[in-house]
Amino acid sequence: MSDDKFTRAIHPSKESQIPRPPKKCDGQLYTVKPTNTLFSIAQKFKVTVDDILAANPQIINPNIIFVGQAICIPAEPPKPKPEPKPVCDLRVLTLKFLTEAGQPLPVTGGAVQLNARVIVRATSNRPVSRAFFFLEPTGTETCELARLIGVDCPSAVTGVAEILWQVPTSTLGRVFVVTCINNCCAKSDEVLVTRNS
């Protein structure tokens, strides 16, 4: 390794040259091998040279370690815990289509039968600050063709958002809503709708 500027372990001329390991080791003892340097040992155990030196006060010169010397390898420092991601538990519970008087519109053949003016109401499990209502034409499977039909900015104290939609004749498609609070958003299920006249 190019960062390894330390001298390789030295063969001692006599056993008394080898420093004794520290009395206390919060980790494990490692016996130095002929090809070792403090840098290579640090890399092997995923610690720094400074960590090894701090755990081994008997090593006075980091360039002098001996083959057969027992050194303390400190326990790998604990990895910092990742910041908890904010939980986005927002869900759209219902998407309803109502007359201007607040009555539910009829469903025929799985499609809500729309009037010329319709209240579209979304209910979420918690307060929302924005609600975006979309119509995606039938026969398309890509959201790029979805068209915004209305936006509501509720007071963020209620989970209800609604728009009054002027429905064009011959409308056929799937309506969905995206509700948001701060940077947390949720999309509703799609509801098939049609207006024939």
N, C-alpha and C. Protein backbone atom coordinates (compact mmCIF):
# COMPACT_ATOMS: atom_id res chain seq x y z
N MET A 1 0.84 -1.18 0.00
CA MET A 1 0.00 0.00 0.00
C MET A 1 0.89 1.24 0.00
N SER A 2 0.50 2.22 -0.75
CA SER A 2 1.31 3.43 -0.86
C SER A 2 1.27 4.26 0.42
N ASP A 3 0.25 4.08 1.25
CA ASP A 3 0.16 4.84 2.49
C ASP A 3 0.99 4.22 3.61
N ASP A 4 1.58 3.07 3.37
CA ASP A 4 2.33 2.36 4.40
C ASP A 4 3.76 2.88 4.44
N LYS A 5 4.00 3.83 5.33
CA LYS A 5 5.34 4.42 5.44
C LYS A 5 6.12 3.84 6.62
N PHE A 6 5.57 2.80 7.24
CA PHE A 6 6.21 2.22 8.42
C PHE A 6 7.14 1.09 8.02
N THR A 7 8.14 0.86 8.86
CA THR A 7 9.13 -0.19 8.65
C THR A 7 8.52 -1.54 9.02
N ARG A 8 8.92 -2.56 8.27
CA ARG A 8 8.44 -3.91 8.58
C ARG A 8 8.97 -4.39 9.91
N ALA A 9 8.28 -5.38 10.44
CA ALA A 9 8.67 -5.94 11.74
C ALA A 9 10.11 -6.45 11.70
N ILE A 10 10.79 -6.26 12.80
CA ILE A 10 12.20 -6.63 12.92
C ILE A 10 12.30 -7.96 13.68
N HIS A 11 13.24 -8.81 13.25
CA HIS A 11 13.50 -10.03 14.01
C HIS A 11 14.37 -9.65 15.21
N PRO A 12 13.92 -9.99 16.41
CA PRO A 12 14.71 -9.60 17.60
C PRO A 12 15.98 -10.44 17.69
N SER A 13 17.07 -9.82 18.20
CA SER A 13 18.30 -10.58 18.38
C SER A 13 18.23 -11.42 19.65
N LYS A 14 17.40 -11.00 20.60
CA LYS A 14 17.17 -11.80 21.81
C LYS A 14 15.75 -11.53 22.30
N GLU A 15 15.18 -12.49 22.98
CA GLU A 15 13.80 -12.44 23.46
C GLU A 15 13.54 -11.22 24.33
N SER A 16 14.53 -10.77 25.08
CA SER A 16 14.33 -9.65 26.01
C SER A 16 14.09 -8.34 25.26
N GLN A 17 14.38 -8.29 23.96
CA GLN A 17 14.13 -7.08 23.17
C GLN A 17 12.64 -6.87 22.92
N ILE A 18 11.86 -7.94 22.94
CA ILE A 18 10.44 -7.84 22.60
C ILE A 18 9.68 -7.25 23.78
N PRO A 19 9.04 -6.07 23.57
CA PRO A 19 8.25 -5.48 24.66
C PRO A 19 7.06 -6.37 24.99
N ARG A 20 6.70 -6.37 26.25
CA ARG A 20 5.56 -7.16 26.70
C ARG A 20 4.28 -6.46 26.26
N PRO A 21 3.19 -7.20 26.08
CA PRO A 21 1.93 -6.57 25.69
C PRO A 21 1.39 -5.71 26.84
N PRO A 22 0.48 -4.81 26.54
CA PRO A 22 -0.08 -3.99 27.63
C PRO A 22 -0.82 -4.88 28.62
N LYS A 23 -0.88 -4.42 29.88
CA LYS A 23 -1.54 -5.21 30.91
C LYS A 23 -3.04 -5.33 30.66
N LYS A 24 -3.59 -4.30 30.04
CA LYS A 24 -5.03 -4.30 29.76
C LYS A 24 -5.23 -4.12 28.27
N CYS A 25 -6.06 -4.97 27.68
CA CYS A 25 -6.34 -4.88 26.25
C CYS A 25 -7.85 -4.98 26.04
N ASP A 26 -8.47 -3.88 25.61
CA ASP A 26 -9.90 -3.89 25.29
C ASP A 26 -10.06 -4.23 23.81
N GLY A 27 -9.83 -5.47 23.51
CA GLY A 27 -9.87 -5.95 22.13
C GLY A 27 -9.28 -7.34 22.10
N GLN A 28 -8.27 -7.52 21.25
CA GLN A 28 -7.62 -8.83 21.16
C GLN A 28 -6.12 -8.66 21.00
N LEU A 29 -5.39 -9.69 21.41
CA LEU A 29 -3.94 -9.67 21.23
C LEU A 29 -3.62 -10.29 19.87
N TYR A 30 -2.63 -9.70 19.20
CA TYR A 30 -2.20 -10.17 17.89
C TYR A 30 -0.69 -10.34 17.93
N THR A 31 -0.21 -11.44 17.37
CA THR A 31 1.23 -11.69 17.32
C THR A 31 1.77 -11.22 15.98
N VAL A 32 2.74 -10.32 16.01
CA VAL A 32 3.31 -9.71 14.82
C VAL A 32 4.04 -10.76 13.98
N LYS A 33 3.81 -10.70 12.67
CA LYS A 33 4.44 -11.61 11.70
C LYS A 33 5.54 -10.87 10.94
N PRO A 34 6.44 -11.60 10.26
CA PRO A 34 7.60 -10.95 9.61
C PRO A 34 7.23 -9.86 8.58
N THR A 35 6.13 -9.98 7.90
CA THR A 35 5.81 -8.99 6.85
C THR A 35 4.96 -7.84 7.37
N ASN A 36 4.61 -7.86 8.64
CA ASN A 36 3.71 -6.83 9.19
C ASN A 36 4.37 -5.48 9.37
N THR A 37 3.55 -4.45 9.22
CA THR A 37 3.85 -3.09 9.67
C THR A 37 2.64 -2.68 10.50
N LEU A 38 2.75 -1.61 11.25
CA LEU A 38 1.57 -1.16 12.00
C LEU A 38 0.43 -0.81 11.05
N PHE A 39 0.79 -0.26 9.90
CA PHE A 39 -0.23 0.11 8.92
C PHE A 39 -0.96 -1.12 8.40
N SER A 40 -0.22 -2.16 8.03
CA SER A 40 -0.87 -3.36 7.48
C SER A 40 -1.73 -4.05 8.54
N ILE A 41 -1.27 -4.02 9.79
CA ILE A 41 -2.07 -4.61 10.88
C ILE A 41 -3.34 -3.79 11.08
N ALA A 42 -3.20 -2.46 11.07
CA ALA A 42 -4.37 -1.59 11.24
C ALA A 42 -5.39 -1.86 10.14
N GLN A 43 -4.93 -1.97 8.91
CA GLN A 43 -5.86 -2.26 7.80
C GLN A 43 -6.54 -3.60 7.97
N LYS A 44 -5.78 -4.59 8.38
CA LYS A 44 -6.33 -5.94 8.55
C LYS A 44 -7.47 -5.95 9.55
N PHE A 45 -7.34 -5.16 10.61
CA PHE A 45 -8.35 -5.17 11.68
C PHE A 45 -9.31 -3.97 11.62
N LYS A 46 -9.20 -3.17 10.53
CA LYS A 46 -10.11 -2.04 10.32
C LYS A 46 -10.07 -1.03 11.48
N VAL A 47 -8.86 -0.74 11.91
CA VAL A 47 -8.63 0.31 12.91
C VAL A 47 -7.52 1.21 12.34
N THR A 48 -7.19 2.27 13.03
CA THR A 48 -6.12 3.15 12.57
C THR A 48 -4.83 2.82 13.30
N VAL A 49 -3.72 3.29 12.73
CA VAL A 49 -2.42 3.14 13.39
C VAL A 49 -2.46 3.85 14.74
N ASP A 50 -3.09 5.02 14.76
CA ASP A 50 -3.21 5.76 16.03
C ASP A 50 -4.00 4.97 17.07
N ASP A 51 -5.04 4.23 16.63
CA ASP A 51 -5.79 3.38 17.56
C ASP A 51 -4.86 2.33 18.18
N ILE A 52 -4.04 1.71 17.33
CA ILE A 52 -3.11 0.67 17.83
C ILE A 52 -2.09 1.28 18.78
N LEU A 53 -1.54 2.43 18.42
CA LEU A 53 -0.55 3.08 19.29
C LEU A 53 -1.17 3.47 20.62
N ALA A 54 -2.42 3.94 20.61
CA ALA A 54 -3.08 4.32 21.87
C ALA A 54 -3.30 3.11 22.76
N ALA A 55 -3.53 1.95 22.17
CA ALA A 55 -3.78 0.73 22.94
C ALA A 55 -2.48 0.04 23.36
N ASN A 56 -1.34 0.50 22.85
CA ASN A 56 -0.05 -0.15 23.10
C ASN A 56 1.01 0.87 23.52
N PRO A 57 0.96 1.33 24.77
CA PRO A 57 1.93 2.34 25.22
C PRO A 57 3.38 1.81 25.20
N GLN A 58 3.56 0.49 25.13
CA GLN A 58 4.91 -0.07 25.08
C GLN A 58 5.58 0.17 23.72
N ILE A 59 4.79 0.54 22.68
CA ILE A 59 5.38 0.85 21.37
C ILE A 59 5.77 2.32 21.41
N ILE A 60 7.08 2.56 21.54
CA ILE A 60 7.58 3.94 21.65
C ILE A 60 7.81 4.53 20.27
N ASN A 61 8.32 3.72 19.36
CA ASN A 61 8.58 4.16 17.99
C ASN A 61 7.70 3.31 17.06
N PRO A 62 6.78 3.94 16.31
CA PRO A 62 5.89 3.13 15.45
C PRO A 62 6.63 2.39 14.34
N ASN A 63 7.91 2.71 14.10
CA ASN A 63 8.69 2.00 13.09
C ASN A 63 9.43 0.80 13.67
N ILE A 64 9.27 0.58 14.98
CA ILE A 64 9.98 -0.57 15.58
C ILE A 64 8.97 -1.46 16.27
N ILE A 65 8.61 -2.54 15.56
CA ILE A 65 7.84 -3.63 16.16
C ILE A 65 8.61 -4.90 15.82
N PHE A 66 8.40 -5.92 16.65
CA PHE A 66 9.22 -7.13 16.52
C PHE A 66 8.36 -8.32 16.12
N VAL A 67 8.96 -9.19 15.31
CA VAL A 67 8.31 -10.45 14.96
C VAL A 67 8.13 -11.23 16.26
N GLY A 68 6.90 -11.72 16.48
CA GLY A 68 6.59 -12.45 17.70
C GLY A 68 6.06 -11.57 18.81
N GLN A 69 6.09 -10.25 18.63
CA GLN A 69 5.59 -9.32 19.65
C GLN A 69 4.07 -9.39 19.69
N ALA A 70 3.52 -9.45 20.89
CA ALA A 70 2.06 -9.44 21.06
C ALA A 70 1.63 -7.99 21.26
N ILE A 71 0.74 -7.54 20.39
CA ILE A 71 0.22 -6.17 20.52
C ILE A 71 -1.30 -6.24 20.66
N CYS A 72 -1.83 -5.20 21.27
CA CYS A 72 -3.27 -5.13 21.49
C CYS A 72 -3.92 -4.48 20.27
N ILE A 73 -4.90 -5.17 19.72
CA ILE A 73 -5.71 -4.61 18.65
C ILE A 73 -7.02 -4.17 19.30
N PRO A 74 -7.25 -2.84 19.36
CA PRO A 74 -8.47 -2.39 20.02
C PRO A 74 -9.70 -2.86 19.25
N ALA A 75 -10.77 -3.00 19.99
CA ALA A 75 -12.03 -3.39 19.35
C ALA A 75 -12.34 -2.36 18.28
N GLU A 76 -12.90 -2.83 17.16
CA GLU A 76 -13.26 -1.93 16.07
C GLU A 76 -14.22 -0.87 16.61
N PRO A 77 -13.93 0.40 16.33
CA PRO A 77 -14.82 1.43 16.86
C PRO A 77 -16.24 1.21 16.34
N PRO A 78 -17.22 1.45 17.19
CA PRO A 78 -18.59 1.22 16.74
C PRO A 78 -18.92 2.16 15.58
N LYS A 79 -19.61 1.60 14.61
CA LYS A 79 -20.02 2.40 13.46
C LYS A 79 -21.13 3.34 13.91
N PRO A 80 -21.08 4.58 13.45
CA PRO A 80 -22.15 5.49 13.85
C PRO A 80 -23.49 5.00 13.31
N LYS A 81 -24.49 5.12 14.14
CA LYS A 81 -25.81 4.69 13.71
C LYS A 81 -26.33 5.68 12.67
N PRO A 82 -26.91 5.17 11.59
CA PRO A 82 -27.44 6.10 10.60
C PRO A 82 -28.59 6.91 11.19
N GLU A 83 -28.70 8.13 10.69
CA GLU A 83 -29.80 8.97 11.14
C GLU A 83 -31.11 8.28 10.77
N PRO A 84 -32.04 8.22 11.69
CA PRO A 84 -33.30 7.58 11.34
C PRO A 84 -34.00 8.39 10.26
N LYS A 85 -34.50 7.67 9.27
CA LYS A 85 -35.23 8.33 8.19
C LYS A 85 -36.60 8.72 8.71
N PRO A 86 -37.04 9.92 8.34
CA PRO A 86 -38.37 10.29 8.79
C PRO A 86 -39.40 9.30 8.24
N VAL A 87 -40.32 8.95 9.07
CA VAL A 87 -41.34 8.00 8.67
C VAL A 87 -42.44 8.75 7.94
N CYS A 88 -42.75 8.29 6.75
CA CYS A 88 -43.84 8.87 5.99
C CYS A 88 -45.00 7.87 6.06
N ASP A 89 -45.84 8.07 7.05
CA ASP A 89 -46.95 7.14 7.24
C ASP A 89 -48.26 7.68 6.69
N LEU A 90 -48.17 8.67 5.81
CA LEU A 90 -49.36 9.26 5.21
C LEU A 90 -50.00 8.26 4.24
N ARG A 91 -51.32 8.12 4.33
CA ARG A 91 -52.06 7.24 3.41
C ARG A 91 -53.36 7.93 3.02
N VAL A 92 -53.76 7.75 1.76
CA VAL A 92 -55.07 8.22 1.33
C VAL A 92 -56.04 7.10 1.63
N LEU A 93 -57.02 7.38 2.48
CA LEU A 93 -57.97 6.35 2.90
C LEU A 93 -59.12 6.19 1.92
N THR A 94 -59.68 7.31 1.46
CA THR A 94 -60.82 7.24 0.53
C THR A 94 -60.70 8.33 -0.52
N LEU A 95 -61.29 8.06 -1.67
CA LEU A 95 -61.44 9.03 -2.75
C LEU A 95 -62.89 8.92 -3.20
N LYS A 96 -63.70 9.96 -2.92
CA LYS A 96 -65.14 9.89 -3.18
C LYS A 96 -65.54 10.94 -4.20
N PHE A 97 -66.62 10.63 -4.93
CA PHE A 97 -67.18 11.52 -5.94
C PHE A 97 -68.62 11.82 -5.52
N LEU A 98 -68.91 13.12 -5.32
CA LEU A 98 -70.19 13.52 -4.76
C LEU A 98 -70.87 14.56 -5.64
N THR A 99 -72.18 14.63 -5.54
CA THR A 99 -72.92 15.70 -6.19
C THR A 99 -72.60 16.98 -5.43
N GLU A 100 -73.00 18.12 -5.99
CA GLU A 100 -72.78 19.39 -5.30
C GLU A 100 -73.53 19.45 -3.98
N ALA A 101 -74.56 18.62 -3.84
CA ALA A 101 -75.32 18.55 -2.59
C ALA A 101 -74.67 17.58 -1.60
N GLY A 102 -73.56 16.91 -2.00
CA GLY A 102 -72.85 16.02 -1.10
C GLY A 102 -73.30 14.57 -1.14
N GLN A 103 -74.13 14.20 -2.14
CA GLN A 103 -74.60 12.82 -2.27
C GLN A 103 -73.63 12.01 -3.14
N PRO A 104 -73.42 10.73 -2.79
CA PRO A 104 -72.52 9.89 -3.60
C PRO A 104 -73.09 9.71 -5.01
N LEU A 105 -72.18 9.70 -5.99
CA LEU A 105 -72.57 9.48 -7.39
C LEU A 105 -72.69 7.98 -7.65
N PRO A 106 -73.55 7.60 -8.59
CA PRO A 106 -73.75 6.17 -8.86
C PRO A 106 -72.55 5.55 -9.57
N VAL A 107 -72.41 4.24 -9.37
CA VAL A 107 -71.36 3.46 -10.03
C VAL A 107 -72.05 2.44 -10.92
N THR A 108 -71.66 2.46 -12.21
CA THR A 108 -72.22 1.51 -13.17
C THR A 108 -71.06 0.84 -13.91
N GLY A 109 -71.08 -0.48 -13.93
CA GLY A 109 -70.01 -1.21 -14.62
C GLY A 109 -68.63 -0.91 -14.07
N GLY A 110 -68.54 -0.60 -12.78
CA GLY A 110 -67.26 -0.33 -12.15
C GLY A 110 -66.76 1.09 -12.34
N ALA A 111 -67.54 1.95 -13.00
CA ALA A 111 -67.13 3.34 -13.24
C ALA A 111 -68.09 4.30 -12.55
N VAL A 112 -67.56 5.30 -11.89
CA VAL A 112 -68.39 6.34 -11.28
C VAL A 112 -68.97 7.18 -12.40
N GLN A 113 -70.30 7.39 -12.36
CA GLN A 113 -71.01 8.16 -13.38
C GLN A 113 -70.99 9.63 -12.95
N LEU A 114 -70.26 10.46 -13.69
CA LEU A 114 -70.04 11.84 -13.30
C LEU A 114 -71.11 12.78 -13.85
N ASN A 115 -71.39 13.84 -13.11
CA ASN A 115 -72.23 14.94 -13.55
C ASN A 115 -71.33 16.02 -14.14
N ALA A 116 -71.92 17.13 -14.56
CA ALA A 116 -71.15 18.24 -15.13
C ALA A 116 -70.27 18.90 -14.07
N ARG A 117 -70.74 18.94 -12.83
CA ARG A 117 -69.95 19.49 -11.71
C ARG A 117 -69.96 18.47 -10.58
N VAL A 118 -68.76 18.13 -10.12
CA VAL A 118 -68.61 17.04 -9.15
C VAL A 118 -67.66 17.48 -8.04
N ILE A 119 -68.00 17.14 -6.80
CA ILE A 119 -67.06 17.30 -5.69
C ILE A 119 -66.21 16.03 -5.64
N VAL A 120 -64.90 16.18 -5.68
CA VAL A 120 -63.98 15.06 -5.52
C VAL A 120 -63.32 15.25 -4.16
N ARG A 121 -63.54 14.30 -3.25
CA ARG A 121 -63.07 14.43 -1.87
C ARG A 121 -62.12 13.29 -1.52
N ALA A 122 -60.95 13.67 -1.01
CA ALA A 122 -59.96 12.68 -0.56
C ALA A 122 -59.83 12.79 0.96
N THR A 123 -59.78 11.64 1.61
CA THR A 123 -59.60 11.59 3.05
C THR A 123 -58.30 10.84 3.33
N SER A 124 -57.44 11.46 4.14
CA SER A 124 -56.16 10.85 4.50
C SER A 124 -56.15 10.49 5.97
N ASN A 125 -55.19 9.68 6.35
CA ASN A 125 -55.09 9.23 7.74
C ASN A 125 -54.54 10.30 8.68
N ARG A 126 -54.05 11.40 8.12
CA ARG A 126 -53.56 12.50 8.95
C ARG A 126 -53.69 13.80 8.17
N PRO A 127 -53.54 14.95 8.82
CA PRO A 127 -53.71 16.22 8.12
C PRO A 127 -52.76 16.36 6.93
N VAL A 128 -53.21 17.07 5.90
CA VAL A 128 -52.39 17.31 4.71
C VAL A 128 -52.37 18.82 4.43
N SER A 129 -51.33 19.26 3.73
CA SER A 129 -51.23 20.67 3.38
C SER A 129 -51.48 20.90 1.89
N ARG A 130 -51.36 19.85 1.08
CA ARG A 130 -51.60 19.95 -0.36
C ARG A 130 -52.24 18.66 -0.85
N ALA A 131 -53.14 18.83 -1.83
CA ALA A 131 -53.74 17.67 -2.49
C ALA A 131 -53.83 17.98 -3.97
N PHE A 132 -53.30 17.10 -4.79
CA PHE A 132 -53.27 17.27 -6.24
C PHE A 132 -54.14 16.18 -6.86
N PHE A 133 -55.18 16.59 -7.58
CA PHE A 133 -56.13 15.66 -8.18
C PHE A 133 -55.82 15.52 -9.67
N PHE A 134 -55.75 14.27 -10.15
CA PHE A 134 -55.36 14.01 -11.54
C PHE A 134 -56.39 13.13 -12.24
N LEU A 135 -56.47 13.29 -13.58
CA LEU A 135 -57.23 12.39 -14.45
C LEU A 135 -56.26 11.79 -15.44
N GLU A 136 -56.21 10.47 -15.47
CA GLU A 136 -55.37 9.76 -16.43
C GLU A 136 -56.31 9.11 -17.44
N PRO A 137 -56.19 9.47 -18.73
CA PRO A 137 -57.12 8.92 -19.71
C PRO A 137 -57.07 7.40 -19.78
N THR A 138 -58.22 6.79 -20.01
CA THR A 138 -58.29 5.34 -20.15
C THR A 138 -57.56 4.93 -21.42
N GLY A 139 -56.93 3.77 -21.38
CA GLY A 139 -56.20 3.27 -22.54
C GLY A 139 -54.73 3.63 -22.49
N THR A 140 -54.33 4.37 -21.47
CA THR A 140 -52.92 4.70 -21.30
C THR A 140 -52.43 4.05 -20.02
N GLU A 141 -51.21 3.67 -20.02
CA GLU A 141 -50.63 3.04 -18.83
C GLU A 141 -49.49 3.87 -18.27
N THR A 142 -49.32 5.09 -18.78
CA THR A 142 -48.22 5.92 -18.30
C THR A 142 -48.77 7.16 -17.62
N CYS A 143 -48.19 7.50 -16.53
CA CYS A 143 -48.68 8.66 -15.77
C CYS A 143 -48.33 9.98 -16.45
N GLU A 144 -47.44 9.95 -17.48
CA GLU A 144 -47.08 11.19 -18.16
C GLU A 144 -48.28 11.84 -18.82
N LEU A 145 -49.31 11.05 -19.13
CA LEU A 145 -50.50 11.58 -19.79
C LEU A 145 -51.54 12.06 -18.78
N ALA A 146 -51.29 11.87 -17.51
CA ALA A 146 -52.22 12.33 -16.48
C ALA A 146 -52.30 13.85 -16.52
N ARG A 147 -53.49 14.35 -16.29
CA ARG A 147 -53.73 15.79 -16.34
C ARG A 147 -54.22 16.26 -14.98
N LEU A 148 -53.65 17.36 -14.50
CA LEU A 148 -54.06 17.93 -13.22
C LEU A 148 -55.46 18.51 -13.38
N ILE A 149 -56.39 18.10 -12.52
CA ILE A 149 -57.76 18.63 -12.61
C ILE A 149 -58.08 19.55 -11.44
N GLY A 150 -57.20 19.61 -10.43
CA GLY A 150 -57.45 20.51 -9.32
C GLY A 150 -56.44 20.36 -8.22
N VAL A 151 -56.32 21.43 -7.42
CA VAL A 151 -55.41 21.45 -6.27
C VAL A 151 -56.18 22.01 -5.09
N ASP A 152 -55.99 21.42 -3.93
CA ASP A 152 -56.57 21.95 -2.70
C ASP A 152 -55.44 22.13 -1.70
N CYS A 153 -55.50 23.21 -0.96
CA CYS A 153 -54.52 23.50 0.09
C CYS A 153 -55.27 23.59 1.41
N PRO A 154 -55.62 22.45 2.00
CA PRO A 154 -56.34 22.49 3.26
C PRO A 154 -55.50 23.13 4.36
N SER A 155 -56.10 23.36 5.46
CA SER A 155 -55.44 24.09 6.57
C SER A 155 -54.43 23.24 7.33
N ALA A 156 -54.18 22.04 6.94
CA ALA A 156 -53.23 21.12 7.59
C ALA A 156 -53.67 20.76 9.01
N VAL A 157 -54.95 20.91 9.29
CA VAL A 157 -55.47 20.45 10.57
C VAL A 157 -56.46 19.31 10.36
N THR A 158 -56.75 19.03 9.10
CA THR A 158 -57.68 17.96 8.79
C THR A 158 -57.10 17.08 7.69
N GLY A 159 -57.55 15.87 7.62
CA GLY A 159 -57.09 14.95 6.59
C GLY A 159 -58.01 14.94 5.38
N VAL A 160 -58.84 15.96 5.23
CA VAL A 160 -59.80 16.01 4.12
C VAL A 160 -59.41 17.12 3.15
N ALA A 161 -59.39 16.78 1.86
CA ALA A 161 -59.12 17.75 0.80
C ALA A 161 -60.15 17.51 -0.29
N GLU A 162 -60.63 18.59 -0.93
CA GLU A 162 -61.61 18.41 -1.99
C GLU A 162 -61.54 19.52 -3.00
N ILE A 163 -62.03 19.19 -4.19
CA ILE A 163 -62.14 20.17 -5.26
C ILE A 163 -63.54 20.08 -5.86
N LEU A 164 -63.97 21.16 -6.52
CA LEU A 164 -65.18 21.14 -7.33
C LEU A 164 -64.70 21.07 -8.77
N TRP A 165 -65.00 19.96 -9.43
CA TRP A 165 -64.47 19.67 -10.76
C TRP A 165 -65.53 19.94 -11.81
N GLN A 166 -65.19 20.78 -12.79
CA GLN A 166 -66.03 20.99 -13.96
C GLN A 166 -65.66 19.89 -14.95
N VAL A 167 -66.49 18.89 -15.07
CA VAL A 167 -66.16 17.68 -15.83
C VAL A 167 -66.50 17.88 -17.31
N PRO A 168 -65.52 17.78 -18.20
CA PRO A 168 -65.81 17.89 -19.64
C PRO A 168 -66.65 16.70 -20.11
N THR A 169 -67.47 16.92 -21.12
CA THR A 169 -68.26 15.81 -21.67
C THR A 169 -67.31 14.79 -22.27
N SER A 170 -67.77 13.58 -22.35
CA SER A 170 -67.01 12.44 -22.90
C SER A 170 -65.76 12.12 -22.09
N THR A 171 -65.72 12.51 -20.82
CA THR A 171 -64.59 12.16 -19.96
C THR A 171 -64.64 10.67 -19.66
N LEU A 172 -63.51 10.01 -19.84
CA LEU A 172 -63.36 8.61 -19.50
C LEU A 172 -61.92 8.41 -19.04
N GLY A 173 -61.72 7.96 -17.81
CA GLY A 173 -60.37 7.78 -17.32
C GLY A 173 -60.34 7.35 -15.88
N ARG A 174 -59.16 7.44 -15.31
CA ARG A 174 -58.95 7.06 -13.92
C ARG A 174 -58.52 8.31 -13.15
N VAL A 175 -59.21 8.59 -12.05
CA VAL A 175 -58.86 9.73 -11.21
C VAL A 175 -58.08 9.21 -10.01
N PHE A 176 -57.05 9.97 -9.64
CA PHE A 176 -56.31 9.68 -8.41
C PHE A 176 -55.88 10.99 -7.78
N VAL A 177 -55.49 10.93 -6.53
CA VAL A 177 -55.04 12.12 -5.81
C VAL A 177 -53.69 11.82 -5.16
N VAL A 178 -52.86 12.85 -5.09
CA VAL A 178 -51.61 12.79 -4.34
C VAL A 178 -51.73 13.83 -3.24
N THR A 179 -51.68 13.38 -1.99
CA THR A 179 -51.75 14.29 -0.84
C THR A 179 -50.37 14.39 -0.19
N CYS A 180 -50.09 15.57 0.35
CA CYS A 180 -48.76 15.81 0.92
C CYS A 180 -48.84 16.61 2.20
N ILE A 181 -47.88 16.37 3.08
CA ILE A 181 -47.62 17.21 4.24
C ILE A 181 -46.10 17.26 4.37
N ASN A 182 -45.53 18.45 4.36
CA ASN A 182 -44.08 18.64 4.33
C ASN A 182 -43.51 17.88 3.13
N ASN A 183 -42.55 17.00 3.32
CA ASN A 183 -41.99 16.26 2.19
C ASN A 183 -42.51 14.82 2.14
N CYS A 184 -43.63 14.57 2.74
CA CYS A 184 -44.24 13.24 2.79
C CYS A 184 -45.50 13.26 1.93
N CYS A 185 -45.55 12.39 0.92
CA CYS A 185 -46.69 12.35 0.01
C CYS A 185 -47.22 10.93 -0.13
N ALA A 186 -48.50 10.83 -0.48
CA ALA A 186 -49.13 9.52 -0.70
C ALA A 186 -50.08 9.62 -1.87
N LYS A 187 -50.14 8.55 -2.65
CA LYS A 187 -51.03 8.48 -3.82
C LYS A 187 -52.19 7.55 -3.50
N SER A 188 -53.37 7.95 -3.94
CA SER A 188 -54.56 7.10 -3.74
C SER A 188 -54.61 6.00 -4.78
N ASP A 189 -55.53 5.08 -4.57
CA ASP A 189 -55.86 4.14 -5.63
C ASP A 189 -56.55 4.92 -6.74
N GLU A 190 -56.55 4.37 -7.94
CA GLU A 190 -57.20 5.02 -9.07
C GLU A 190 -58.66 4.58 -9.13
N VAL A 191 -59.54 5.53 -9.50
CA VAL A 191 -60.97 5.26 -9.58
C VAL A 191 -61.39 5.55 -11.01
N LEU A 192 -62.04 4.56 -11.64
CA LEU A 192 -62.53 4.71 -13.00
C LEU A 192 -63.75 5.62 -13.01
N VAL A 193 -63.75 6.62 -13.91
CA VAL A 193 -64.85 7.58 -13.99
C VAL A 193 -65.25 7.76 -15.45
N THR A 194 -66.53 8.17 -15.64
CA THR A 194 -66.99 8.47 -16.99
C THR A 194 -68.09 9.52 -16.94
N ARG A 195 -68.14 10.35 -18.01
CA ARG A 195 -69.26 11.28 -18.19
C ARG A 195 -69.66 11.21 -19.66
N ASN A 196 -70.89 10.79 -19.90
CA ASN A 196 -71.35 10.58 -21.26
C ASN A 196 -71.98 11.82 -21.87
N SER A 197 -72.71 12.60 -21.10
CA SER A 197 -73.37 13.76 -21.71
C SER A 197 -73.19 15.00 -20.88
